[in-house]
Protein backbone atom coordinates (compact mmCIF):
# COMPACT_ATOMS: atom_id res chain seq x y z
CA MET A 1 0.06 -0.27 0.27
CA SER A 2 1.65 3.25 -0.82
CA GLU A 3 1.99 6.75 1.63
CA PRO A 4 -1.12 9.24 0.91
CA CYS A 5 -0.42 11.89 -0.74
CA GLN A 6 1.93 14.46 1.32
CA HIS A 7 0.34 17.18 -0.35
CA LEU A 8 -3.25 16.69 0.78
CA THR A 9 -2.18 15.33 4.27
CA ALA A 10 0.02 18.61 5.09
CA LEU A 11 -3.31 21.44 4.59
CA THR A 12 -4.74 22.20 7.58
CA SER A 13 -7.48 24.45 6.06
CA LEU A 14 -9.23 24.70 3.09
CA LYS A 15 -9.34 28.19 0.89
CA THR A 16 -12.77 28.74 -1.13
CA ALA A 17 -13.57 30.93 -3.98
CA ALA A 18 -13.98 34.56 -2.95
CA GLN A 19 -16.18 34.69 -6.53
CA HIS A 20 -17.78 31.87 -8.71
CA ILE A 21 -15.51 32.98 -11.77
CA CYS A 22 -12.54 32.06 -13.62
CA PRO A 23 -10.92 36.07 -14.10
CA GLU A 24 -8.74 34.64 -17.08
CA CYS A 25 -11.26 33.50 -19.19
CA VAL A 26 -13.92 36.89 -17.95
CA ALA A 27 -10.31 38.97 -19.44
CA LEU A 28 -10.48 37.18 -22.28
CA GLY A 29 -14.45 36.53 -22.99
CA ASP A 30 -14.55 33.43 -22.92
CA THR A 31 -17.28 31.00 -20.76
CA TRP A 32 -16.12 27.77 -18.17
CA VAL A 33 -17.38 24.31 -17.27
CA HIS A 34 -15.92 24.18 -13.48
CA LEU A 35 -14.05 26.16 -11.73
CA ARG A 36 -11.50 24.74 -8.92
CA VAL A 37 -9.78 26.81 -6.26
CA CYS A 38 -5.42 26.69 -5.29
CA GLN A 39 -4.89 25.37 -1.84
CA GLU A 40 -1.95 27.68 -1.50
CA CYS A 41 -2.65 31.05 -2.74
CA GLY A 42 -6.70 31.10 -3.18
CA HIS A 43 -6.05 31.66 -7.37
CA VAL A 44 -9.68 30.75 -8.83
CA GLY A 45 -9.02 28.87 -12.58
CA CYS A 46 -11.14 27.17 -14.64
CA CYS A 47 -11.12 23.02 -14.84
CA ASP A 48 -9.48 21.13 -17.45
CA ASP A 49 -12.97 20.39 -19.16
CA SER A 50 -12.80 24.28 -20.44
CA LYS A 51 -11.33 25.74 -23.32
CA ASN A 52 -8.13 27.30 -21.12
CA LYS A 53 -7.65 24.50 -18.30
CA HIS A 54 -6.47 27.74 -15.96
CA ALA A 55 -6.52 26.02 -13.07
CA THR A 56 -3.80 23.52 -14.33
CA LYS A 57 -1.86 26.72 -16.12
CA HIS A 58 -1.45 28.11 -12.62
CA PHE A 59 -0.49 24.97 -11.11
CA HIS A 60 2.28 24.71 -13.85
CA ALA A 61 3.76 28.53 -13.78
CA THR A 62 3.59 28.57 -9.84
CA ARG A 63 3.84 24.75 -9.22
CA HIS A 64 1.02 24.89 -6.17
CA PRO A 65 0.17 21.44 -6.05
CA VAL A 66 -3.13 21.37 -4.53
CA VAL A 67 -6.66 22.43 -5.89
CA ALA A 68 -10.46 21.50 -4.49
CA SER A 69 -13.30 21.75 -6.68
CA ALA A 70 -15.40 25.21 -6.57
CA GLU A 71 -18.49 23.40 -7.30
CA ARG A 72 -21.45 23.52 -4.88
CA GLY A 73 -21.83 19.72 -3.49
CA GLU A 74 -18.30 18.97 -4.66
CA ARG A 75 -16.14 17.98 -1.41
CA TRP A 76 -12.78 17.13 -3.17
CA LEU A 77 -9.38 17.87 -3.44
CA TRP A 78 -6.96 16.80 -5.93
CA CYS A 79 -3.04 16.77 -6.13
CA TYR A 80 -1.08 17.37 -9.50
CA VAL A 81 2.24 16.35 -8.43
CA ASP A 82 0.88 12.84 -6.82
CA GLN A 83 -2.19 12.58 -9.00
CA GLU A 84 -3.93 11.91 -6.55
CA MET A 85 -7.25 12.12 -5.35
CA ALA A 86 -9.14 13.05 -1.81
CA GLU A 87 -12.80 13.51 -0.61
CA TYR A 88 -13.04 16.35 2.95
């Protein structure tokens, strides 16, 4: 059995979306499918099902490893580094 993801287990509090928009998509005049919230800095970006994939682009630019779903009723975290999901 593998060890649990250190990035996920290190979280002590959860960041939530202050606004339910992807600011980068808004600036481009585009839409999004779902939103994700960076658990290190609070950046809100669109998911990989969205045209622009801003949440993943944020990870590649910053190496901030964990995002949470910003969707109502969804309670999960995703670690880009370890490709691991956790519910909370």
